[in-house]
């Protein structure tokens, strides 16, 4: 079964190798440099420079934008799903869980938002998806507020030390 694997930056290499991933999405602040795992080719690595904020950027901060979410949706829709995809941010708590949910719905738009949010909570008790990414994803995917309501419904995640990874299984089409 193919899936989305979410992890913090500190474990991207181990995660990519262990899950035999060939594609990766990085949601990380501008200037936070890191080495892409060798199993991920540059062409199959999407870097989205943004800070983990829920408001328009001020100073040097970059807020998640429609351009970021459009890029994510386009990249994921070109994923062949023959192997898991890794999605990561700094700690794997906010930006990457939001991106994982958006990715899942862009591949399976028929999925129920509330069922997906419940699945996220069951595999990631620590996840607190970035509200700005969720709001933009809801709008761009035509969810009419359902995704926003579903994510609000699961509430804030449990405290974590930032080392928690999780696998979000994709809905299997009949």
N, C-alpha and C. Protein backbone atom coordinates (compact mmCIF):
# COMPACT_ATOMS: atom_id res chain seq x y z
N UNK A 1 0.85 -1.18 0.00
CA UNK A 1 0.00 0.00 0.00
C UNK A 1 0.89 1.24 0.00
N UNK A 2 0.55 2.18 -0.83
CA UNK A 2 1.31 3.42 -0.87
C UNK A 2 0.81 4.35 0.22
N UNK A 3 1.69 5.27 0.63
CA UNK A 3 1.34 6.12 1.76
C UNK A 3 2.17 7.39 1.73
N UNK A 4 1.79 8.30 2.61
CA UNK A 4 2.53 9.52 2.84
C UNK A 4 3.23 9.35 4.18
N UNK A 5 4.54 9.52 4.18
CA UNK A 5 5.31 9.39 5.41
C UNK A 5 5.73 10.80 5.84
N UNK A 6 5.37 11.17 7.04
CA UNK A 6 5.66 12.50 7.57
C UNK A 6 6.71 12.37 8.66
N UNK A 7 7.69 13.27 8.61
CA UNK A 7 8.75 13.22 9.61
C UNK A 7 9.35 14.61 9.82
N UNK A 8 10.14 14.76 10.89
CA UNK A 8 10.88 16.01 11.07
C UNK A 8 12.13 16.01 10.19
N UNK A 9 12.68 17.19 9.99
CA UNK A 9 13.90 17.34 9.20
C UNK A 9 15.01 16.41 9.67
N UNK A 10 15.15 16.24 10.97
CA UNK A 10 16.25 15.45 11.53
C UNK A 10 16.26 13.99 11.11
N UNK A 11 15.14 13.47 10.60
CA UNK A 11 15.11 12.05 10.23
C UNK A 11 14.77 11.80 8.77
N UNK A 12 14.97 12.79 7.88
CA UNK A 12 14.57 12.58 6.48
C UNK A 12 15.38 11.48 5.80
N UNK A 13 16.67 11.40 6.04
CA UNK A 13 17.49 10.38 5.36
C UNK A 13 17.07 8.98 5.81
N UNK A 14 17.02 8.78 7.12
CA UNK A 14 16.62 7.48 7.65
C UNK A 14 15.22 7.10 7.17
N UNK A 15 14.30 8.04 7.18
CA UNK A 15 12.92 7.78 6.78
C UNK A 15 12.83 7.43 5.29
N UNK A 16 13.51 8.20 4.46
CA UNK A 16 13.47 7.94 3.01
C UNK A 16 14.04 6.56 2.69
N UNK A 17 15.13 6.20 3.32
CA UNK A 17 15.75 4.90 3.06
C UNK A 17 14.87 3.77 3.59
N UNK A 18 14.41 3.89 4.83
CA UNK A 18 13.61 2.83 5.45
C UNK A 18 12.33 2.55 4.67
N UNK A 19 11.69 3.59 4.14
CA UNK A 19 10.43 3.42 3.43
C UNK A 19 10.60 3.30 1.92
N UNK A 20 11.84 3.32 1.46
CA UNK A 20 12.15 3.21 0.03
C UNK A 20 11.47 4.30 -0.79
N UNK A 21 11.42 5.49 -0.21
CA UNK A 21 10.81 6.64 -0.89
C UNK A 21 11.72 7.14 -2.00
N UNK A 22 11.12 7.68 -3.04
CA UNK A 22 11.88 8.27 -4.14
C UNK A 22 11.48 9.74 -4.36
N UNK A 23 10.51 10.21 -3.59
CA UNK A 23 10.02 11.57 -3.75
C UNK A 23 9.86 12.20 -2.38
N UNK A 24 10.05 13.53 -2.34
CA UNK A 24 10.00 14.22 -1.06
C UNK A 24 9.53 15.66 -1.23
N UNK A 25 8.77 16.12 -0.25
CA UNK A 25 8.33 17.51 -0.17
C UNK A 25 8.91 18.09 1.13
N UNK A 26 9.59 19.23 1.00
CA UNK A 26 10.17 19.92 2.16
C UNK A 26 9.45 21.24 2.35
N UNK A 27 8.89 21.46 3.52
CA UNK A 27 8.24 22.72 3.88
C UNK A 27 9.09 23.32 5.00
N UNK A 28 10.02 24.17 4.62
CA UNK A 28 11.03 24.62 5.57
C UNK A 28 11.32 26.10 5.32
N UNK A 29 11.73 26.79 6.35
CA UNK A 29 12.00 28.23 6.23
C UNK A 29 13.14 28.48 5.25
N UNK A 30 13.04 29.60 4.56
CA UNK A 30 14.09 30.03 3.63
C UNK A 30 15.42 30.08 4.38
N UNK A 31 16.46 29.55 3.77
CA UNK A 31 17.79 29.60 4.37
C UNK A 31 18.11 28.45 5.31
N UNK A 32 17.15 27.60 5.63
CA UNK A 32 17.45 26.43 6.46
C UNK A 32 17.95 25.33 5.52
N UNK A 33 19.24 25.30 5.36
CA UNK A 33 19.84 24.36 4.43
C UNK A 33 19.96 22.97 5.04
N UNK A 34 19.87 21.99 4.17
CA UNK A 34 20.00 20.60 4.57
C UNK A 34 20.39 19.80 3.34
N UNK A 35 20.85 18.58 3.57
CA UNK A 35 21.22 17.70 2.46
C UNK A 35 20.05 16.79 2.11
N UNK A 36 19.68 16.80 0.84
CA UNK A 36 18.63 15.91 0.36
C UNK A 36 19.16 14.48 0.44
N UNK A 37 18.36 13.54 0.93
CA UNK A 37 18.81 12.14 0.96
C UNK A 37 19.17 11.66 -0.45
N UNK A 38 20.20 10.87 -0.56
CA UNK A 38 20.68 10.37 -1.85
C UNK A 38 19.66 9.56 -2.62
N UNK A 39 18.68 8.97 -1.94
CA UNK A 39 17.67 8.16 -2.63
C UNK A 39 16.59 9.02 -3.29
N UNK A 40 16.63 10.32 -3.05
CA UNK A 40 15.67 11.26 -3.63
C UNK A 40 16.38 12.08 -4.70
N UNK A 41 15.91 11.99 -5.94
CA UNK A 41 16.53 12.79 -7.01
C UNK A 41 16.07 14.24 -6.90
N UNK A 42 16.89 15.14 -7.38
CA UNK A 42 16.56 16.57 -7.33
C UNK A 42 15.24 16.86 -8.05
N UNK A 43 14.96 16.15 -9.14
CA UNK A 43 13.73 16.36 -9.91
C UNK A 43 12.48 15.94 -9.15
N UNK A 44 12.63 15.05 -8.20
CA UNK A 44 11.47 14.55 -7.43
C UNK A 44 11.48 15.07 -6.00
N UNK A 45 12.10 16.25 -5.82
CA UNK A 45 12.12 16.90 -4.51
C UNK A 45 11.55 18.30 -4.65
N UNK A 46 10.43 18.54 -4.00
CA UNK A 46 9.80 19.85 -4.02
C UNK A 46 10.15 20.57 -2.74
N UNK A 47 10.77 21.75 -2.87
CA UNK A 47 11.10 22.58 -1.72
C UNK A 47 10.16 23.76 -1.70
N UNK A 48 9.44 23.92 -0.59
CA UNK A 48 8.52 25.03 -0.40
C UNK A 48 9.02 25.86 0.77
N UNK A 49 9.58 27.03 0.46
CA UNK A 49 10.16 27.90 1.49
C UNK A 49 9.06 28.69 2.18
N UNK A 50 8.83 28.36 3.45
CA UNK A 50 7.80 29.05 4.24
C UNK A 50 8.09 28.85 5.71
N UNK A 51 7.61 29.79 6.49
CA UNK A 51 7.68 29.66 7.94
C UNK A 51 6.38 29.04 8.45
N UNK A 52 6.43 28.54 9.66
CA UNK A 52 5.25 27.93 10.27
C UNK A 52 4.45 29.01 10.98
N UNK A 53 3.75 29.81 10.17
CA UNK A 53 2.92 30.88 10.72
C UNK A 53 1.53 30.80 10.10
N UNK A 54 0.58 31.40 10.78
CA UNK A 54 -0.80 31.36 10.30
C UNK A 54 -1.32 32.72 9.87
N UNK A 55 -0.40 33.64 9.60
CA UNK A 55 -0.79 35.00 9.22
C UNK A 55 0.14 35.47 8.11
N UNK A 56 -0.20 36.58 7.48
CA UNK A 56 0.64 37.13 6.41
C UNK A 56 2.03 37.42 6.98
N UNK A 57 3.06 37.09 6.25
CA UNK A 57 4.43 37.25 6.72
C UNK A 57 4.79 38.70 7.01
N UNK A 58 5.55 38.88 8.05
CA UNK A 58 6.09 40.19 8.37
C UNK A 58 7.59 40.06 8.55
N UNK A 59 8.30 41.14 8.30
CA UNK A 59 9.75 41.07 8.43
C UNK A 59 10.29 40.03 7.47
N UNK A 60 11.10 39.15 7.97
CA UNK A 60 11.70 38.11 7.14
C UNK A 60 10.90 36.82 7.08
N UNK A 61 9.70 36.80 7.67
CA UNK A 61 8.91 35.57 7.67
C UNK A 61 8.12 35.43 6.37
N UNK A 62 8.02 34.20 5.91
CA UNK A 62 7.26 33.89 4.70
C UNK A 62 6.08 33.02 5.10
N UNK A 63 4.88 33.54 4.88
CA UNK A 63 3.67 32.79 5.20
C UNK A 63 3.35 31.78 4.10
N UNK A 64 2.73 30.66 4.46
CA UNK A 64 2.24 29.76 3.42
C UNK A 64 1.30 30.53 2.49
N UNK A 65 1.39 30.25 1.19
CA UNK A 65 0.61 30.99 0.19
C UNK A 65 -0.07 30.04 -0.78
N UNK A 66 -0.93 30.63 -1.62
CA UNK A 66 -1.58 29.84 -2.66
C UNK A 66 -0.54 29.23 -3.60
N UNK A 67 0.50 29.95 -3.90
CA UNK A 67 1.55 29.43 -4.79
C UNK A 67 2.17 28.17 -4.19
N UNK A 68 2.43 28.18 -2.88
CA UNK A 68 2.98 26.99 -2.22
C UNK A 68 2.02 25.81 -2.36
N UNK A 69 0.75 26.04 -2.06
CA UNK A 69 -0.22 24.94 -2.07
C UNK A 69 -0.49 24.46 -3.50
N UNK A 70 -0.53 25.36 -4.46
CA UNK A 70 -0.68 24.95 -5.87
C UNK A 70 0.50 24.08 -6.29
N UNK A 71 1.71 24.46 -5.89
CA UNK A 71 2.90 23.66 -6.22
C UNK A 71 2.82 22.28 -5.58
N UNK A 72 2.39 22.23 -4.32
CA UNK A 72 2.23 20.95 -3.62
C UNK A 72 1.23 20.06 -4.35
N UNK A 73 0.07 20.60 -4.68
CA UNK A 73 -0.97 19.81 -5.35
C UNK A 73 -0.46 19.29 -6.70
N UNK A 74 0.17 20.14 -7.48
CA UNK A 74 0.70 19.72 -8.77
C UNK A 74 1.76 18.64 -8.64
N UNK A 75 2.66 18.80 -7.69
CA UNK A 75 3.73 17.82 -7.47
C UNK A 75 3.15 16.47 -7.07
N UNK A 76 2.23 16.48 -6.12
CA UNK A 76 1.65 15.22 -5.62
C UNK A 76 0.84 14.53 -6.71
N UNK A 77 0.13 15.29 -7.52
CA UNK A 77 -0.65 14.67 -8.60
C UNK A 77 0.24 14.03 -9.66
N UNK A 78 1.52 14.40 -9.70
CA UNK A 78 2.47 13.76 -10.62
C UNK A 78 3.25 12.63 -9.97
N UNK A 79 2.99 12.35 -8.71
CA UNK A 79 3.62 11.24 -7.99
C UNK A 79 3.01 9.94 -8.51
N UNK A 80 3.85 8.99 -8.90
CA UNK A 80 3.32 7.75 -9.47
C UNK A 80 2.80 6.77 -8.41
N UNK A 81 3.03 7.04 -7.15
CA UNK A 81 2.54 6.25 -6.03
C UNK A 81 3.05 4.82 -5.99
N UNK A 82 4.16 4.56 -6.68
CA UNK A 82 4.74 3.22 -6.64
C UNK A 82 5.56 3.00 -5.37
N UNK A 83 5.87 4.08 -4.69
CA UNK A 83 6.60 4.03 -3.41
C UNK A 83 6.09 5.19 -2.57
N UNK A 84 6.23 5.09 -1.25
CA UNK A 84 5.77 6.20 -0.40
C UNK A 84 6.48 7.52 -0.74
N UNK A 85 5.84 8.61 -0.40
CA UNK A 85 6.42 9.94 -0.53
C UNK A 85 6.69 10.45 0.89
N UNK A 86 7.82 11.13 1.07
CA UNK A 86 8.15 11.73 2.36
C UNK A 86 7.77 13.20 2.31
N UNK A 87 7.06 13.64 3.33
CA UNK A 87 6.75 15.06 3.50
C UNK A 87 7.29 15.46 4.86
N UNK A 88 8.11 16.51 4.88
CA UNK A 88 8.69 16.91 6.16
C UNK A 88 8.71 18.42 6.32
N UNK A 89 8.80 18.83 7.58
CA UNK A 89 9.05 20.22 7.93
C UNK A 89 10.09 20.18 9.05
N UNK A 90 10.21 21.22 9.82
CA UNK A 90 11.23 21.25 10.86
C UNK A 90 10.99 20.17 11.91
N UNK A 91 9.75 20.11 12.45
CA UNK A 91 9.46 19.15 13.52
C UNK A 91 8.45 18.07 13.15
N UNK A 92 7.79 18.18 12.01
CA UNK A 92 6.80 17.18 11.63
C UNK A 92 5.48 17.31 12.37
N UNK A 93 5.17 18.52 12.84
CA UNK A 93 3.99 18.73 13.67
C UNK A 93 2.93 19.57 12.98
N UNK A 94 3.30 20.59 12.24
CA UNK A 94 2.33 21.55 11.74
C UNK A 94 2.27 21.63 10.22
N UNK A 95 3.34 22.09 9.59
CA UNK A 95 3.32 22.25 8.13
C UNK A 95 3.20 20.92 7.40
N UNK A 96 4.00 19.94 7.78
CA UNK A 96 3.96 18.67 7.04
C UNK A 96 2.67 17.88 7.26
N UNK A 97 2.07 17.82 8.45
CA UNK A 97 0.76 17.17 8.54
C UNK A 97 -0.30 17.87 7.70
N UNK A 98 -0.27 19.21 7.66
CA UNK A 98 -1.22 19.94 6.80
C UNK A 98 -1.00 19.57 5.34
N UNK A 99 0.26 19.54 4.92
CA UNK A 99 0.58 19.19 3.54
C UNK A 99 0.16 17.75 3.23
N UNK A 100 0.31 16.84 4.19
CA UNK A 100 -0.08 15.44 3.98
C UNK A 100 -1.58 15.33 3.74
N UNK A 101 -2.37 16.06 4.51
CA UNK A 101 -3.83 16.03 4.34
C UNK A 101 -4.22 16.62 2.98
N UNK A 102 -3.60 17.73 2.62
CA UNK A 102 -3.87 18.35 1.32
C UNK A 102 -3.48 17.39 0.19
N UNK A 103 -2.34 16.74 0.34
CA UNK A 103 -1.89 15.77 -0.67
C UNK A 103 -2.89 14.63 -0.81
N UNK A 104 -3.34 14.09 0.31
CA UNK A 104 -4.28 12.97 0.28
C UNK A 104 -5.57 13.37 -0.44
N UNK A 105 -6.08 14.56 -0.14
CA UNK A 105 -7.32 15.01 -0.79
C UNK A 105 -7.12 15.37 -2.25
N UNK A 106 -5.92 15.79 -2.63
CA UNK A 106 -5.71 16.09 -4.05
C UNK A 106 -5.65 14.80 -4.87
N UNK A 107 -5.27 13.70 -4.24
CA UNK A 107 -5.26 12.41 -4.93
C UNK A 107 -6.61 11.70 -4.86
N UNK A 108 -7.32 11.93 -3.77
CA UNK A 108 -8.61 11.26 -3.54
C UNK A 108 -9.65 12.30 -3.13
N UNK A 109 -10.12 13.11 -4.08
CA UNK A 109 -11.07 14.17 -3.74
C UNK A 109 -12.41 13.65 -3.23
N UNK A 110 -12.69 12.38 -3.47
CA UNK A 110 -13.95 11.81 -3.00
C UNK A 110 -13.91 11.47 -1.51
N UNK A 111 -12.75 11.54 -0.90
CA UNK A 111 -12.63 11.16 0.51
C UNK A 111 -13.36 12.15 1.41
N UNK A 112 -13.93 11.63 2.46
CA UNK A 112 -14.61 12.45 3.46
C UNK A 112 -13.57 13.16 4.32
N UNK A 113 -13.69 14.48 4.43
CA UNK A 113 -12.73 15.29 5.17
C UNK A 113 -12.65 14.87 6.64
N UNK A 114 -13.78 14.56 7.23
CA UNK A 114 -13.82 14.20 8.65
C UNK A 114 -13.18 12.82 8.89
N UNK A 115 -13.38 11.89 7.96
CA UNK A 115 -12.73 10.59 8.07
C UNK A 115 -11.22 10.73 7.94
N UNK A 116 -10.78 11.58 7.02
CA UNK A 116 -9.35 11.81 6.84
C UNK A 116 -8.75 12.46 8.08
N UNK A 117 -9.42 13.45 8.64
CA UNK A 117 -8.91 14.11 9.86
C UNK A 117 -8.83 13.10 11.01
N UNK A 118 -9.83 12.24 11.13
CA UNK A 118 -9.81 11.22 12.18
C UNK A 118 -8.65 10.25 11.97
N UNK A 119 -8.39 9.87 10.71
CA UNK A 119 -7.26 8.99 10.40
C UNK A 119 -5.95 9.68 10.76
N UNK A 120 -5.84 10.98 10.44
CA UNK A 120 -4.64 11.72 10.82
C UNK A 120 -4.45 11.68 12.33
N UNK A 121 -5.49 11.98 13.08
CA UNK A 121 -5.36 12.00 14.54
C UNK A 121 -4.98 10.62 15.07
N UNK A 122 -5.50 9.55 14.47
CA UNK A 122 -5.19 8.21 14.98
C UNK A 122 -3.73 7.83 14.75
N UNK A 123 -3.13 8.29 13.66
CA UNK A 123 -1.72 7.95 13.39
C UNK A 123 -0.75 9.00 13.90
N UNK A 124 -1.27 10.20 14.22
CA UNK A 124 -0.40 11.30 14.65
C UNK A 124 -1.05 12.09 15.78
N UNK A 125 -1.03 11.56 16.99
CA UNK A 125 -1.66 12.27 18.11
C UNK A 125 -1.05 13.66 18.34
N UNK A 126 0.17 13.86 17.86
CA UNK A 126 0.88 15.13 18.06
C UNK A 126 0.59 16.18 16.98
N UNK A 127 -0.04 15.80 15.89
CA UNK A 127 -0.21 16.70 14.75
C UNK A 127 -1.15 17.87 15.08
N UNK A 128 -0.69 19.06 14.73
CA UNK A 128 -1.50 20.28 14.80
C UNK A 128 -1.31 20.98 13.46
N UNK A 129 -2.07 20.56 12.43
CA UNK A 129 -1.84 21.10 11.08
C UNK A 129 -1.92 22.62 11.01
N UNK A 130 -1.00 23.21 10.26
CA UNK A 130 -0.93 24.65 10.07
C UNK A 130 -2.25 25.15 9.50
N UNK A 131 -2.91 26.07 10.22
CA UNK A 131 -4.25 26.52 9.82
C UNK A 131 -4.25 27.28 8.50
N UNK A 132 -3.20 28.04 8.23
CA UNK A 132 -3.16 28.78 6.96
C UNK A 132 -3.07 27.81 5.78
N UNK A 133 -2.23 26.79 5.88
CA UNK A 133 -2.16 25.79 4.81
C UNK A 133 -3.50 25.09 4.63
N UNK A 134 -4.15 24.73 5.73
CA UNK A 134 -5.44 24.05 5.66
C UNK A 134 -6.48 24.95 5.00
N UNK A 135 -6.52 26.22 5.37
CA UNK A 135 -7.50 27.14 4.77
C UNK A 135 -7.27 27.30 3.27
N UNK A 136 -6.02 27.43 2.86
CA UNK A 136 -5.71 27.57 1.43
C UNK A 136 -6.04 26.27 0.70
N UNK A 137 -5.66 25.15 1.28
CA UNK A 137 -5.96 23.85 0.67
C UNK A 137 -7.46 23.63 0.52
N UNK A 138 -8.21 23.99 1.55
CA UNK A 138 -9.67 23.87 1.50
C UNK A 138 -10.22 24.64 0.30
N UNK A 139 -9.75 25.86 0.13
CA UNK A 139 -10.25 26.71 -0.97
C UNK A 139 -9.82 26.16 -2.33
N UNK A 140 -8.54 25.84 -2.48
CA UNK A 140 -8.04 25.39 -3.79
C UNK A 140 -8.60 24.03 -4.20
N UNK A 141 -8.91 23.20 -3.22
CA UNK A 141 -9.46 21.88 -3.53
C UNK A 141 -10.99 21.87 -3.54
N UNK A 142 -11.60 23.02 -3.35
CA UNK A 142 -13.06 23.12 -3.41
C UNK A 142 -13.77 22.34 -2.32
N UNK A 143 -13.22 22.36 -1.10
CA UNK A 143 -13.80 21.59 -0.01
C UNK A 143 -14.94 22.34 0.70
N UNK A 144 -15.13 23.60 0.37
CA UNK A 144 -16.26 24.39 0.90
C UNK A 144 -16.32 24.42 2.42
N UNK A 145 -15.16 24.52 3.06
CA UNK A 145 -15.09 24.63 4.51
C UNK A 145 -15.04 23.31 5.25
N UNK A 146 -15.26 22.19 4.54
CA UNK A 146 -15.27 20.88 5.22
C UNK A 146 -13.91 20.53 5.81
N UNK A 147 -12.83 20.79 5.05
CA UNK A 147 -11.50 20.46 5.56
C UNK A 147 -11.17 21.31 6.79
N UNK A 148 -11.49 22.59 6.73
CA UNK A 148 -11.24 23.47 7.87
C UNK A 148 -11.99 22.96 9.10
N UNK A 149 -13.27 22.63 8.93
CA UNK A 149 -14.08 22.14 10.05
C UNK A 149 -13.55 20.80 10.58
N UNK A 150 -13.12 19.93 9.69
CA UNK A 150 -12.62 18.61 10.11
C UNK A 150 -11.34 18.74 10.92
N UNK A 151 -10.44 19.59 10.47
CA UNK A 151 -9.18 19.77 11.19
C UNK A 151 -9.43 20.48 12.52
N UNK A 152 -10.31 21.46 12.54
CA UNK A 152 -10.66 22.11 13.81
C UNK A 152 -11.27 21.08 14.76
N UNK A 153 -12.02 20.15 14.21
CA UNK A 153 -12.70 19.14 15.02
C UNK A 153 -11.75 18.20 15.76
N UNK A 154 -10.56 17.97 15.23
CA UNK A 154 -9.62 17.07 15.93
C UNK A 154 -8.80 17.83 16.97
N UNK A 155 -8.85 19.16 16.93
CA UNK A 155 -8.18 19.97 17.96
C UNK A 155 -6.66 19.93 17.88
N UNK A 156 -6.07 20.59 18.83
CA UNK A 156 -4.62 20.67 18.93
C UNK A 156 -4.05 19.31 19.30
N UNK A 157 -2.91 18.99 18.73
CA UNK A 157 -2.26 17.72 19.02
C UNK A 157 -1.57 17.71 20.37
N UNK A 158 -1.16 16.53 20.78
CA UNK A 158 -0.44 16.36 22.04
C UNK A 158 0.96 16.96 21.94
N UNK A 159 1.53 17.29 23.05
CA UNK A 159 2.90 17.80 23.08
C UNK A 159 3.85 16.71 22.57
N UNK A 160 4.92 17.14 21.91
CA UNK A 160 5.90 16.20 21.37
C UNK A 160 7.27 16.81 21.44
N UNK A 161 8.26 15.97 21.38
CA UNK A 161 9.64 16.44 21.38
C UNK A 161 10.17 16.68 19.97
N UNK A 162 9.31 16.53 18.97
CA UNK A 162 9.72 16.79 17.60
C UNK A 162 10.41 15.62 16.92
N UNK A 163 10.35 14.46 17.51
CA UNK A 163 10.97 13.29 16.88
C UNK A 163 9.95 12.26 16.42
N UNK A 164 8.70 12.68 16.36
CA UNK A 164 7.63 11.74 16.01
C UNK A 164 7.38 11.76 14.51
N UNK A 165 7.50 10.61 13.90
CA UNK A 165 7.15 10.43 12.49
C UNK A 165 5.87 9.63 12.43
N UNK A 166 5.20 9.68 11.29
CA UNK A 166 4.00 8.86 11.15
C UNK A 166 3.75 8.56 9.68
N UNK A 167 2.92 7.55 9.46
CA UNK A 167 2.51 7.16 8.12
C UNK A 167 1.02 7.43 7.99
N UNK A 168 0.67 8.24 6.98
CA UNK A 168 -0.74 8.49 6.68
C UNK A 168 -1.10 7.63 5.47
N UNK A 169 -1.80 6.52 5.68
CA UNK A 169 -2.18 5.69 4.55
C UNK A 169 -3.16 6.44 3.65
N UNK A 170 -3.04 6.23 2.36
CA UNK A 170 -3.98 6.85 1.42
C UNK A 170 -5.23 5.99 1.34
N UNK A 171 -6.33 6.64 1.08
CA UNK A 171 -7.59 5.93 0.89
C UNK A 171 -7.44 5.03 -0.34
N UNK A 172 -7.89 3.83 -0.23
CA UNK A 172 -7.83 2.91 -1.35
C UNK A 172 -9.11 3.03 -2.13
N UNK A 173 -8.99 3.37 -3.40
CA UNK A 173 -10.18 3.50 -4.26
C UNK A 173 -10.78 2.13 -4.52
N UNK A 174 -12.12 2.05 -4.58
CA UNK A 174 -12.76 0.76 -4.83
C UNK A 174 -12.47 0.25 -6.23
